[in-house]
C-alpha atoms as a PDB file:
ATOM      1  CA  UNK A   1      58.525 -53.580 106.996  1.00  0.00           C
ATOM      2  CA  UNK A   2      58.216 -56.547 105.284  1.00  0.00           C
ATOM      3  CA  UNK A   3      55.442 -57.077 103.535  1.00  0.00           C
ATOM      4  CA  UNK A   4      55.255 -61.460 101.421  1.00  0.00           C
ATOM      5  CA  UNK A   5      52.692 -63.225 100.603  1.00  0.00           C
ATOM      6  CA  UNK A   6      54.236 -66.339 101.930  1.00  0.00           C
ATOM      7  CA  UNK A   7      53.597 -67.887 105.444  1.00  0.00           C
ATOM      8  CA  UNK A   8      57.417 -68.069 106.680  1.00  0.00           C
ATOM      9  CA  UNK A   9      60.170 -65.639 106.016  1.00  0.00           C
ATOM     10  CA  UNK A  10      63.416 -67.243 104.249  1.00  0.00           C
ATOM     11  CA  UNK A  11      66.751 -67.513 106.338  1.00  0.00           C
ATOM     12  CA  UNK A  12      64.174 -65.865 109.595  1.00  0.00           C
ATOM     13  CA  UNK A  13      63.026 -66.872 112.616  1.00  0.00           C
ATOM     14  CA  UNK A  14      59.498 -65.778 113.055  1.00  0.00           C
ATOM     15  CA  UNK A  15      59.969 -64.748 117.174  1.00  0.00           C
ATOM     16  CA  UNK A  16      56.305 -63.962 117.461  1.00  0.00           C
ATOM     17  CA  UNK A  17      53.002 -63.951 116.228  1.00  0.00           C
ATOM     18  CA  UNK A  18      50.721 -60.994 116.807  1.00  0.00           C
ATOM     19  CA  UNK A  19      47.642 -61.791 114.594  1.00  0.00           C
ATOM     20  CA  UNK A  20      45.619 -60.626 111.300  1.00  0.00           C
ATOM     21  CA  UNK A  21      46.501 -57.203 110.622  1.00  0.00           C
ATOM     22  CA  UNK A  22      44.090 -55.343 107.656  1.00  0.00           C
ATOM     23  CA  UNK A  23      44.071 -52.026 105.527  1.00  0.00           C
ATOM     24  CA  UNK A  24      41.969 -51.525 103.419  1.00  0.00           C
ATOM     25  CA  UNK A  25      40.773 -48.625 100.433  1.00  0.00           C
ATOM     26  CA  UNK A  26      37.492 -47.403  98.343  1.00  0.00           C
ATOM     27  CA  UNK A  27      38.397 -45.121  96.235  1.00  0.00           C
ATOM     28  CA  UNK A  28      35.926 -43.776  94.150  1.00  0.00           C
ATOM     29  CA  UNK A  29      36.700 -43.240  90.199  1.00  0.00           C
ATOM     30  CA  UNK A  30      35.433 -40.112  88.888  1.00  0.00           C
ATOM     31  CA  UNK A  31      32.238 -39.695  86.009  1.00  0.00           C
ATOM     32  CA  UNK A  32      34.842 -39.119  82.790  1.00  0.00           C
ATOM     33  CA  UNK A  33      37.011 -41.640  84.290  1.00  0.00           C
ATOM     34  CA  UNK A  34      33.692 -43.861  84.137  1.00  0.00           C
ATOM     35  CA  UNK A  35      33.235 -42.284  80.561  1.00  0.00           C
ATOM     36  CA  UNK A  36      35.791 -43.599  79.135  1.00  0.00           C
ATOM     37  CA  UNK A  37      36.226 -46.972  80.277  1.00  0.00           C
ATOM     38  CA  UNK A  38      32.969 -48.236  78.989  1.00  0.00           C
ATOM     39  CA  UNK A  39      33.540 -46.462  75.810  1.00  0.00           C
ATOM     40  CA  UNK A  40      37.557 -48.758  76.431  1.00  0.00           C
ATOM     41  CA  UNK A  41      34.873 -51.772  77.474  1.00  0.00           C
ATOM     42  CA  UNK A  42      32.782 -51.414  74.041  1.00  0.00           C
ATOM     43  CA  UNK A  43      35.722 -51.113  71.573  1.00  0.00           C
ATOM     44  CA  UNK A  44      38.572 -53.095  73.689  1.00  0.00           C
ATOM     45  CA  UNK A  45      41.629 -52.499  74.914  1.00  0.00           C
ATOM     46  CA  UNK A  46      43.345 -51.537  79.448  1.00  0.00           C
ATOM     47  CA  UNK A  47      41.946 -48.459  80.816  1.00  0.00           C
ATOM     48  CA  UNK A  48      44.462 -46.796  82.360  1.00  0.00           C
ATOM     49  CA  UNK A  49      42.767 -44.869  84.414  1.00  0.00           C
ATOM     50  CA  UNK A  50      41.003 -47.592  86.559  1.00  0.00           C
ATOM     51  CA  UNK A  51      44.170 -49.145  87.006  1.00  0.00           C
ATOM     52  CA  UNK A  52      46.153 -46.353  88.208  1.00  0.00           C
ATOM     53  CA  UNK A  53      43.148 -46.290  90.642  1.00  0.00           C
ATOM     54  CA  UNK A  54      43.636 -49.356  91.371  1.00  0.00           C
ATOM     55  CA  UNK A  55      47.775 -49.204  92.172  1.00  0.00           C
ATOM     56  CA  UNK A  56      46.824 -46.374  94.728  1.00  0.00           C
ATOM     57  CA  UNK A  57      44.034 -48.118  96.524  1.00  0.00           C
ATOM     58  CA  UNK A  58      46.348 -51.095  96.417  1.00  0.00           C
ATOM     59  CA  UNK A  59      48.972 -49.356  97.808  1.00  0.00           C
ATOM     60  CA  UNK A  60      46.861 -47.218 100.532  1.00  0.00           C
ATOM     61  CA  UNK A  61      45.460 -50.494 102.409  1.00  0.00           C
ATOM     62  CA  UNK A  62      49.108 -52.452 102.644  1.00  0.00           C
ATOM     63  CA  UNK A  63      50.123 -49.001 104.250  1.00  0.00           C
ATOM     64  CA  UNK A  64      46.787 -49.084 106.332  1.00  0.00           C
ATOM     65  CA  UNK A  65      48.222 -52.851 107.225  1.00  0.00           C
ATOM     66  CA  UNK A  66      51.404 -52.323 107.700  1.00  0.00           C
ATOM     67  CA  UNK A  67      50.615 -49.389 110.411  1.00  0.00           C
ATOM     68  CA  UNK A  68      48.445 -51.965 111.937  1.00  0.00           C
ATOM     69  CA  UNK A  69      51.358 -53.766 111.860  1.00  0.00           C
ATOM     70  CA  UNK A  70      53.471 -51.380 113.158  1.00  0.00           C
ATOM     71  CA  UNK A  71      51.164 -50.452 116.013  1.00  0.00           C
ATOM     72  CA  UNK A  72      51.846 -53.874 117.201  1.00  0.00           C
ATOM     73  CA  UNK A  73      55.456 -53.718 117.151  1.00  0.00           C
ATOM     74  CA  UNK A  74      55.511 -55.999 114.538  1.00  0.00           C
ATOM     75  CA  UNK A  75      58.623 -55.906 111.920  1.00  0.00           C
ATOM     76  CA  UNK A  76      57.006 -58.130 108.995  1.00  0.00           C
ATOM     77  CA  UNK A  77      53.606 -59.159 107.826  1.00  0.00           C
ATOM     78  CA  UNK A  78      53.195 -62.448 106.537  1.00  0.00           C
ATOM     79  CA  UNK A  79      50.824 -64.658 104.475  1.00  0.00           C
ATOM     80  CA  UNK A  80      49.424 -61.439 103.305  1.00  0.00           C
ATOM     81  CA  UNK A  81      46.685 -61.702 100.643  1.00  0.00           C
ATOM     82  CA  UNK A  82      44.874 -58.746  98.396  1.00  0.00           C
ATOM     83  CA  UNK A  83      40.768 -58.841  97.571  1.00  0.00           C
ATOM     84  CA  UNK A  84      39.884 -56.670  94.684  1.00  0.00           C
ATOM     85  CA  UNK A  85      36.277 -55.754  94.661  1.00  0.00           C
ATOM     86  CA  UNK A  86      33.486 -53.347  92.820  1.00  0.00           C
ATOM     87  CA  UNK A  87      30.667 -51.616  94.089  1.00  0.00           C
ATOM     88  CA  UNK A  88      28.335 -49.991  92.137  1.00  0.00           C
ATOM     89  CA  UNK A  89      26.587 -46.777  94.053  1.00  0.00           C
ATOM     90  CA  UNK A  90      24.308 -45.393  91.287  1.00  0.00           C
ATOM     91  CA  UNK A  91      25.580 -44.625  88.063  1.00  0.00           C
ATOM     92  CA  UNK A  92      28.967 -45.147  89.343  1.00  0.00           C
ATOM     93  CA  UNK A  93      31.149 -47.107  90.704  1.00  0.00           C
ATOM     94  CA  UNK A  94      33.830 -47.527  93.658  1.00  0.00           C
ATOM     95  CA  UNK A  95      36.898 -49.897  93.528  1.00  0.00           C
ATOM     96  CA  UNK A  96      37.750 -51.807  96.991  1.00  0.00           C
ATOM     97  CA  UNK A  97      41.593 -53.228  98.197  1.00  0.00           C
ATOM     98  CA  UNK A  98      41.390 -55.459 100.702  1.00  0.00           C
ATOM     99  CA  UNK A  99      44.591 -56.359 102.510  1.00  0.00           C
ATOM    100  CA  UNK A 100      45.407 -58.550 105.082  1.00  0.00           C
ATOM    101  CA  UNK A 101      48.250 -60.636 106.577  1.00  0.00           C
ATOM    102  CA  UNK A 102      49.661 -62.053 109.187  1.00  0.00           C
ATOM    103  CA  UNK A 103      51.561 -59.054 111.796  1.00  0.00           C
ATOM    104  CA  UNK A 104      55.024 -60.978 112.985  1.00  0.00           C
ATOM    105  CA  UNK A 105      58.809 -59.766 114.703  1.00  0.00           C
ATOM    106  CA  UNK A 106      61.388 -62.093 113.244  1.00  0.00           C
ATOM    107  CA  UNK A 107      65.157 -61.914 114.614  1.00  0.00           C
END
C-alpha cells in the first residue's frame, strides 16, 4: 500500500476515490517511563522511552488506516495527515496518534 502526504502520486493516475480512511492508536507509558521522562524534562534531554512509544503508536495508526483502505479495495492512501496528542489520566499519560487520508485506486 502506497501512503503519501501529497494530494496525488507523480506518474500515477487516480482511477477511483473511496473517501476518508483513518486509524488511531492510544498507548500508555508505564509509570517508570513516566518518572524517567519527568526527570529528563527537568534536567533536559530527550526521552527515548516516549519516542519509542510514539513511533509504535504512529505505526499502529498507519497500519489501521491502510487496513481500512484495503477493505475498500484501494491500493494507495493520499493526503495523509498525522495528529499527535497526550492525554493525561490522573498521574499517568497516554499517547494518541491519529492517521487519516483519502483511499484511492491508482493505475
